[in-house]
Amino acid sequence: MRFFLIFVNLLIYLGCSGQSSSNNNNKNLSEKINDTTFVNIRDFSNDIIIDMKYATTANFLNTKVYDCSACYLRYKTAIQLLRVSSILIKKRIKIKLFDCYRPLDIQKKMWALVPNPIYVADPSKGSIHNRGAAVDMTLVYANGKDFDMGTSFDYFGKEASHDYLRFSKKVLKNRIFLKTIMISNGFKAFDSEWWHYNLSNGTTFKLANFKWNCN
């Protein structure tokens, strides 16, 4: 009950905060861009930390599958994420992104390495990442330290689930805080991965194989 009340209070507070900050943020966004257009999040914000794990070997595949580190998203996804960022910045908190849009060819490469739907989405069906409507993320304090979320990114044990409650109050509060602010700004949580969030209507976007220029 205690954590439910915390969740409700955060939802009310962040919902109000989101209303006041979203208008200010939209002044910097072009209304001429189509919702389905792929955009580089860095073109809209320097406040978001980009730490693309699949552009390194620091991931569960132990393999670099991206040629370079860049976060692309559908414009509509980017807008919602920027709204979250604008709220957090006022609290001296930043978003750190581990993965964003993932080209379908990269999904196939990952599937070839680990052909198990528990860990990698089957490319024949695709994932929300392949649609440009999902992010893997955490939060960072002003001093550069990551929020303690109980497990690392890409940890696939039961402890990564939102339903796992055998953590300290601090870890549970951190997870609830992230989940609340994302849900109140148009995202949905993924039950088994605390770091993964989908745009609420992200499945309406088509699977894509757009590849960004690393130069």
C-alpha atoms as a PDB file:
ATOM      1  CA  MET A   1       0.000   0.000   0.000  1.00  0.00           C
ATOM      2  CA  ARG A   2       2.855   2.400   0.842  1.00  0.00           C
ATOM      3  CA  PHE A   3       4.417   2.048  -2.607  1.00  0.00           C
ATOM      4  CA  PHE A   4       1.005   2.366  -4.273  1.00  0.00           C
ATOM      5  CA  LEU A   5       0.459   5.706  -2.520  1.00  0.00           C
ATOM      6  CA  ILE A   6       3.922   6.863  -3.555  1.00  0.00           C
ATOM      7  CA  PHE A   7       3.081   5.953  -7.151  1.00  0.00           C
ATOM      8  CA  VAL A   8      -0.235   7.835  -7.083  1.00  0.00           C
ATOM      9  CA  ASN A   9       1.316  10.961  -5.563  1.00  0.00           C
ATOM     10  CA  LEU A  10       4.134  10.970  -8.088  1.00  0.00           C
ATOM     11  CA  LEU A  11       1.671  10.505 -10.933  1.00  0.00           C
ATOM     12  CA  ILE A  12      -0.388  13.505  -9.833  1.00  0.00           C
ATOM     13  CA  TYR A  13       2.693  15.677  -9.301  1.00  0.00           C
ATOM     14  CA  LEU A  14       4.428  14.761 -12.543  1.00  0.00           C
ATOM     15  CA  GLY A  15       1.215  15.047 -14.515  1.00  0.00           C
ATOM     16  CA  CYS A  16       0.889  18.650 -13.407  1.00  0.00           C
ATOM     17  CA  SER A  17       4.566  19.323 -14.044  1.00  0.00           C
ATOM     18  CA  GLY A  18       4.321  17.858 -17.523  1.00  0.00           C
ATOM     19  CA  GLN A  19       1.499  20.217 -18.432  1.00  0.00           C
ATOM     20  CA  SER A  20       3.475  23.271 -17.456  1.00  0.00           C
ATOM     21  CA  SER A  21       6.737  22.269 -19.141  1.00  0.00           C
ATOM     22  CA  SER A  22       5.594  20.702 -22.407  1.00  0.00           C
ATOM     23  CA  ASN A  23       4.557  23.991 -23.972  1.00  0.00           C
ATOM     24  CA  ASN A  24       7.936  25.560 -23.301  1.00  0.00           C
ATOM     25  CA  ASN A  25       9.692  22.579 -24.831  1.00  0.00           C
ATOM     26  CA  ASN A  26       7.554  22.568 -27.961  1.00  0.00           C
ATOM     27  CA  LYS A  27       8.723  26.078 -28.846  1.00  0.00           C
ATOM     28  CA  ASN A  28      11.986  24.482 -29.934  1.00  0.00           C
ATOM     29  CA  LEU A  29      10.353  21.775 -32.053  1.00  0.00           C
ATOM     30  CA  SER A  30       9.299  22.215 -35.658  1.00  0.00           C
ATOM     31  CA  GLU A  31       5.595  21.623 -36.263  1.00  0.00           C
ATOM     32  CA  LYS A  32       6.347  20.793 -39.917  1.00  0.00           C
ATOM     33  CA  ILE A  33       8.051  17.484 -39.131  1.00  0.00           C
ATOM     34  CA  ASN A  34       5.878  14.429 -39.662  1.00  0.00           C
ATOM     35  CA  ASP A  35       5.319  12.196 -36.624  1.00  0.00           C
ATOM     36  CA  THR A  36       6.840   9.226 -38.466  1.00  0.00           C
ATOM     37  CA  THR A  37      10.065  10.981 -39.518  1.00  0.00           C
ATOM     38  CA  PHE A  38      13.254   9.667 -37.951  1.00  0.00           C
ATOM     39  CA  VAL A  39      15.175  12.346 -36.055  1.00  0.00           C
ATOM     40  CA  ASN A  40      18.436  12.401 -34.118  1.00  0.00           C
ATOM     41  CA  ILE A  41      17.651  13.217 -30.490  1.00  0.00           C
ATOM     42  CA  ARG A  42      20.934  15.122 -30.265  1.00  0.00           C
ATOM     43  CA  ASP A  43      19.584  17.679 -32.772  1.00  0.00           C
ATOM     44  CA  PHE A  44      16.974  18.656 -30.182  1.00  0.00           C
ATOM     45  CA  SER A  45      18.743  18.316 -26.849  1.00  0.00           C
ATOM     46  CA  ASN A  46      22.210  18.259 -25.335  1.00  0.00           C
ATOM     47  CA  ASP A  47      20.774  17.423 -21.914  1.00  0.00           C
ATOM     48  CA  ILE A  48      20.106  13.776 -22.734  1.00  0.00           C
ATOM     49  CA  ILE A  49      23.084  11.454 -22.248  1.00  0.00           C
ATOM     50  CA  ILE A  50      23.702   9.037 -25.117  1.00  0.00           C
ATOM     51  CA  ASP A  51      25.299   5.749 -24.025  1.00  0.00           C
ATOM     52  CA  MET A  52      24.365   3.322 -26.785  1.00  0.00           C
ATOM     53  CA  LYS A  53      25.418  -0.043 -25.407  1.00  0.00           C
ATOM     54  CA  TYR A  54      25.082  -1.895 -28.716  1.00  0.00           C
ATOM     55  CA  ALA A  55      27.657   0.441 -30.265  1.00  0.00           C
ATOM     56  CA  THR A  56      30.084  -1.182 -27.801  1.00  0.00           C
ATOM     57  CA  THR A  57      30.744  -4.679 -26.499  1.00  0.00           C
ATOM     58  CA  ALA A  58      29.280  -3.755 -23.085  1.00  0.00           C
ATOM     59  CA  ASN A  59      26.012  -5.611 -23.666  1.00  0.00           C
ATOM     60  CA  PHE A  60      24.630  -9.107 -23.172  1.00  0.00           C
ATOM     61  CA  LEU A  61      25.734 -10.063 -26.698  1.00  0.00           C
ATOM     62  CA  ASN A  62      29.322  -9.074 -25.913  1.00  0.00           C
ATOM     63  CA  THR A  63      29.332  -7.814 -29.490  1.00  0.00           C
ATOM     64  CA  LYS A  64      29.259  -4.404 -31.148  1.00  0.00           C
ATOM     65  CA  VAL A  65      26.311  -4.394 -33.571  1.00  0.00           C
ATOM     66  CA  TYR A  66      25.989  -0.655 -34.318  1.00  0.00           C
ATOM     67  CA  ASP A  67      28.636   1.102 -36.410  1.00  0.00           C
ATOM     68  CA  CYS A  68      28.447   4.189 -34.208  1.00  0.00           C
ATOM     69  CA  SER A  69      26.635   5.654 -31.225  1.00  0.00           C
ATOM     70  CA  ALA A  70      23.561   7.704 -32.144  1.00  0.00           C
ATOM     71  CA  CYS A  71      19.972   7.808 -30.921  1.00  0.00           C
ATOM     72  CA  TYR A  72      17.326   8.101 -33.625  1.00  0.00           C
ATOM     73  CA  LEU A  73      13.603   7.976 -32.911  1.00  0.00           C
ATOM     74  CA  ARG A  74      10.361   8.702 -34.688  1.00  0.00           C
ATOM     75  CA  TYR A  75       9.606  12.383 -34.242  1.00  0.00           C
ATOM     76  CA  LYS A  76       6.528  11.674 -32.123  1.00  0.00           C
ATOM     77  CA  THR A  77       8.578   9.473 -29.777  1.00  0.00           C
ATOM     78  CA  ALA A  78      11.272  12.139 -29.568  1.00  0.00           C
ATOM     79  CA  ILE A  79       8.744  14.832 -28.620  1.00  0.00           C
ATOM     80  CA  GLN A  80       7.414  12.779 -25.726  1.00  0.00           C
ATOM     81  CA  LEU A  81      10.908  11.947 -24.507  1.00  0.00           C
ATOM     82  CA  LEU A  82      11.937  15.602 -24.671  1.00  0.00           C
ATOM     83  CA  ARG A  83       8.939  16.499 -22.528  1.00  0.00           C
ATOM     84  CA  VAL A  84      10.135  14.032 -19.920  1.00  0.00           C
ATOM     85  CA  SER A  85      13.637  15.490 -20.127  1.00  0.00           C
ATOM     86  CA  SER A  86      12.394  19.053 -19.660  1.00  0.00           C
ATOM     87  CA  ILE A  87      10.637  18.049 -16.430  1.00  0.00           C
ATOM     88  CA  LEU A  88      13.658  16.172 -15.116  1.00  0.00           C
ATOM     89  CA  ILE A  89      16.161  18.924 -15.907  1.00  0.00           C
ATOM     90  CA  LYS A  90      14.273  21.236 -13.549  1.00  0.00           C
ATOM     91  CA  LYS A  91      14.942  18.640 -10.859  1.00  0.00           C
ATOM     92  CA  ARG A  92      18.635  18.425 -11.857  1.00  0.00           C
ATOM     93  CA  ILE A  93      18.140  14.935 -13.265  1.00  0.00           C
ATOM     94  CA  LYS A  94      19.102  13.745 -16.742  1.00  0.00           C
ATOM     95  CA  ILE A  95      17.995  10.910 -18.986  1.00  0.00           C
ATOM     96  CA  LYS A  96      20.607   8.382 -20.088  1.00  0.00           C
ATOM     97  CA  LEU A  97      19.742   6.332 -23.172  1.00  0.00           C
ATOM     98  CA  PHE A  98      21.106   2.828 -23.755  1.00  0.00           C
ATOM     99  CA  ASP A  99      19.189   2.069 -26.964  1.00  0.00           C
ATOM    100  CA  CYS A 100      16.712   3.800 -29.255  1.00  0.00           C
ATOM    101  CA  TYR A 101      15.646   2.990 -32.812  1.00  0.00           C
ATOM    102  CA  ARG A 102      17.182  -0.254 -34.054  1.00  0.00           C
ATOM    103  CA  PRO A 103      17.295  -1.005 -37.805  1.00  0.00           C
ATOM    104  CA  LEU A 104      15.711  -4.310 -38.805  1.00  0.00           C
ATOM    105  CA  ASP A 105      19.026  -5.548 -40.231  1.00  0.00           C
ATOM    106  CA  ILE A 106      20.562  -5.062 -36.777  1.00  0.00           C
ATOM    107  CA  GLN A 107      17.678  -7.027 -35.263  1.00  0.00           C
ATOM    108  CA  LYS A 108      18.481  -9.862 -37.667  1.00  0.00           C
ATOM    109  CA  LYS A 109      22.140  -9.688 -36.677  1.00  0.00           C
ATOM    110  CA  MET A 110      21.226  -9.905 -32.995  1.00  0.00           C
ATOM    111  CA  TRP A 111      18.880 -12.817 -33.682  1.00  0.00           C
ATOM    112  CA  ALA A 112      21.666 -14.660 -35.510  1.00  0.00           C
ATOM    113  CA  LEU A 113      23.822 -14.287 -32.399  1.00  0.00           C
ATOM    114  CA  VAL A 114      21.081 -15.185 -29.894  1.00  0.00           C
ATOM    115  CA  PRO A 115      18.050 -16.831 -31.588  1.00  0.00           C
ATOM    116  CA  ASN A 116      15.982 -16.886 -28.421  1.00  0.00           C
ATOM    117  CA  PRO A 117      12.825 -14.729 -28.092  1.00  0.00           C
ATOM    118  CA  ILE A 118      13.382 -14.467 -24.346  1.00  0.00           C
ATOM    119  CA  TYR A 119      16.369 -12.234 -25.043  1.00  0.00           C
ATOM    120  CA  VAL A 120      15.950 -10.952 -28.613  1.00  0.00           C
ATOM    121  CA  ALA A 121      12.759 -10.178 -30.530  1.00  0.00           C
ATOM    122  CA  ASP A 122      12.263 -12.384 -33.588  1.00  0.00           C
ATOM    123  CA  PRO A 123      13.016 -10.137 -36.610  1.00  0.00           C
ATOM    124  CA  SER A 124      10.234 -11.819 -38.596  1.00  0.00           C
ATOM    125  CA  LYS A 125       7.853 -10.002 -36.254  1.00  0.00           C
ATOM    126  CA  GLY A 126      10.143  -7.159 -35.255  1.00  0.00           C
ATOM    127  CA  SER A 127      10.231  -5.146 -32.062  1.00  0.00           C
ATOM    128  CA  ILE A 128       9.087  -1.692 -31.012  1.00  0.00           C
ATOM    129  CA  HIS A 129      12.743  -0.644 -31.246  1.00  0.00           C
ATOM    130  CA  ASN A 130      12.560  -1.466 -34.976  1.00  0.00           C
ATOM    131  CA  ARG A 131       9.633   0.937 -35.249  1.00  0.00           C
ATOM    132  CA  GLY A 132      11.466   3.860 -33.641  1.00  0.00           C
ATOM    133  CA  ALA A 133       9.054   3.945 -30.718  1.00  0.00           C
ATOM    134  CA  ALA A 134      11.044   2.458 -27.829  1.00  0.00           C
ATOM    135  CA  VAL A 135      13.899   3.519 -25.587  1.00  0.00           C
ATOM    136  CA  ASP A 136      16.089   1.721 -23.074  1.00  0.00           C
ATOM    137  CA  MET A 137      17.058   4.180 -20.376  1.00  0.00           C
ATOM    138  CA  THR A 138      17.917   5.144 -16.844  1.00  0.00           C
ATOM    139  CA  LEU A 139      18.219   8.390 -14.884  1.00  0.00           C
ATOM    140  CA  VAL A 140      21.326  10.268 -13.775  1.00  0.00           C
ATOM    141  CA  TYR A 141      21.878  12.676 -10.882  1.00  0.00           C
ATOM    142  CA  ALA A 142      23.510  16.084 -11.358  1.00  0.00           C
ATOM    143  CA  ASN A 143      26.786  14.633 -10.053  1.00  0.00           C
ATOM    144  CA  GLY A 144      26.809  12.131 -12.931  1.00  0.00           C
ATOM    145  CA  LYS A 145      25.898   9.096 -10.842  1.00  0.00           C
ATOM    146  CA  ASP A 146      23.255   6.738 -12.195  1.00  0.00           C
ATOM    147  CA  PHE A 147      20.100   6.104 -10.171  1.00  0.00           C
ATOM    148  CA  ASP A 148      20.289   2.757  -8.391  1.00  0.00           C
ATOM    149  CA  MET A 149      17.730   0.599 -10.184  1.00  0.00           C
ATOM    150  CA  GLY A 150      18.722  -2.670  -8.545  1.00  0.00           C
ATOM    151  CA  THR A 151      20.206  -4.325 -11.642  1.00  0.00           C
ATOM    152  CA  SER A 152      22.262  -3.299 -14.626  1.00  0.00           C
ATOM    153  CA  PHE A 153      20.845  -2.716 -18.103  1.00  0.00           C
ATOM    154  CA  ASP A 154      20.411  -5.967 -20.062  1.00  0.00           C
ATOM    155  CA  TYR A 155      20.134  -8.062 -16.920  1.00  0.00           C
ATOM    156  CA  PHE A 156      17.541 -10.711 -17.699  1.00  0.00           C
ATOM    157  CA  GLY A 157      16.906 -12.213 -14.284  1.00  0.00           C
ATOM    158  CA  LYS A 158      13.637 -11.870 -12.389  1.00  0.00           C
ATOM    159  CA  GLU A 159      15.146  -8.938 -10.479  1.00  0.00           C
ATOM    160  CA  ALA A 160      14.841  -6.744 -13.597  1.00  0.00           C
ATOM    161  CA  SER A 161      11.046  -6.979 -13.508  1.00  0.00           C
ATOM    162  CA  HIS A 162       8.849  -4.164 -12.250  1.00  0.00           C
ATOM    163  CA  ASP A 163       7.031  -6.798 -10.212  1.00  0.00           C
ATOM    164  CA  TYR A 164      10.122  -7.763  -8.241  1.00  0.00           C
ATOM    165  CA  LEU A 165       9.913  -5.961  -4.899  1.00  0.00           C
ATOM    166  CA  ARG A 166      12.718  -7.473  -2.842  1.00  0.00           C
ATOM    167  CA  PHE A 167      14.878  -4.363  -3.100  1.00  0.00           C
ATOM    168  CA  SER A 168      15.661  -1.482  -0.780  1.00  0.00           C
ATOM    169  CA  LYS A 169      13.130   1.333  -0.466  1.00  0.00           C
ATOM    170  CA  LYS A 170      15.498   3.556  -2.447  1.00  0.00           C
ATOM    171  CA  VAL A 171      15.650   1.213  -5.439  1.00  0.00           C
ATOM    172  CA  LEU A 172      11.880   0.727  -5.457  1.00  0.00           C
ATOM    173  CA  LYS A 173      11.343   4.488  -5.207  1.00  0.00           C
ATOM    174  CA  ASN A 174      13.742   5.086  -8.121  1.00  0.00           C
ATOM    175  CA  ARG A 175      11.949   2.576 -10.317  1.00  0.00           C
ATOM    176  CA  ILE A 176       8.550   4.010  -9.433  1.00  0.00           C
ATOM    177  CA  PHE A 177       9.797   7.531 -10.154  1.00  0.00           C
ATOM    178  CA  LEU A 178      11.040   6.554 -13.630  1.00  0.00           C
ATOM    179  CA  LYS A 179       7.926   4.542 -14.418  1.00  0.00           C
ATOM    180  CA  THR A 180       5.593   7.291 -13.253  1.00  0.00           C
ATOM    181  CA  ILE A 181       7.165  10.090 -15.238  1.00  0.00           C
ATOM    182  CA  MET A 182       7.310   7.974 -18.396  1.00  0.00           C
ATOM    183  CA  ILE A 183       3.711   6.753 -18.147  1.00  0.00           C
ATOM    184  CA  SER A 184       2.449  10.274 -17.454  1.00  0.00           C
ATOM    185  CA  ASN A 185       4.103  11.430 -20.685  1.00  0.00           C
ATOM    186  CA  GLY A 186       2.754   8.892 -23.142  1.00  0.00           C
ATOM    187  CA  PHE A 187       4.920   5.804 -22.645  1.00  0.00           C
ATOM    188  CA  LYS A 188       4.221   2.253 -21.500  1.00  0.00           C
ATOM    189  CA  ALA A 189       6.467   0.158 -19.281  1.00  0.00           C
ATOM    190  CA  PHE A 190       7.695  -3.308 -20.230  1.00  0.00           C
ATOM    191  CA  ASP A 191       7.023  -5.619 -17.290  1.00  0.00           C
ATOM    192  CA  SER A 192      10.212  -7.686 -17.371  1.00  0.00           C
ATOM    193  CA  GLU A 193      12.673  -4.825 -18.040  1.00  0.00           C
ATOM    194  CA  TRP A 194      12.726  -1.735 -15.807  1.00  0.00           C
ATOM    195  CA  TRP A 195      14.761   0.166 -18.441  1.00  0.00           C
ATOM    196  CA  HIS A 196      12.478  -0.369 -21.456  1.00  0.00           C
ATOM    197  CA  TYR A 197       9.668   2.027 -22.426  1.00  0.00           C
ATOM    198  CA  ASN A 198       7.437   2.036 -25.505  1.00  0.00           C
ATOM    199  CA  LEU A 199       5.482   4.936 -26.931  1.00  0.00           C
ATOM    200  CA  SER A 200       1.864   4.101 -26.097  1.00  0.00           C
ATOM    201  CA  ASN A 201       0.773   3.806 -29.742  1.00  0.00           C
ATOM    202  CA  GLY A 202       4.191   2.778 -31.043  1.00  0.00           C
ATOM    203  CA  THR A 203       2.916  -0.366 -32.738  1.00  0.00           C
ATOM    204  CA  THR A 204       1.199   1.839 -35.338  1.00  0.00           C
ATOM    205  CA  PHE A 205       4.595   2.738 -36.810  1.00  0.00           C
ATOM    206  CA  LYS A 206       5.954   0.438 -39.509  1.00  0.00           C
ATOM    207  CA  LEU A 207       9.034  -1.716 -39.064  1.00  0.00           C
ATOM    208  CA  ALA A 208      11.989   0.164 -40.527  1.00  0.00           C
ATOM    209  CA  ASN A 209      15.504  -0.442 -41.766  1.00  0.00           C
ATOM    210  CA  PHE A 210      16.657   3.174 -41.975  1.00  0.00           C
ATOM    211  CA  LYS A 211      20.386   3.495 -41.229  1.00  0.00           C
ATOM    212  CA  TRP A 212      22.014   6.689 -40.013  1.00  0.00           C
ATOM    213  CA  ASN A 213      25.246   8.160 -41.348  1.00  0.00           C
ATOM    214  CA  CYS A 214      28.145   7.716 -38.942  1.00  0.00           C
ATOM    215  CA  ASN A 215      30.315  10.391 -40.598  1.00  0.00           C
END
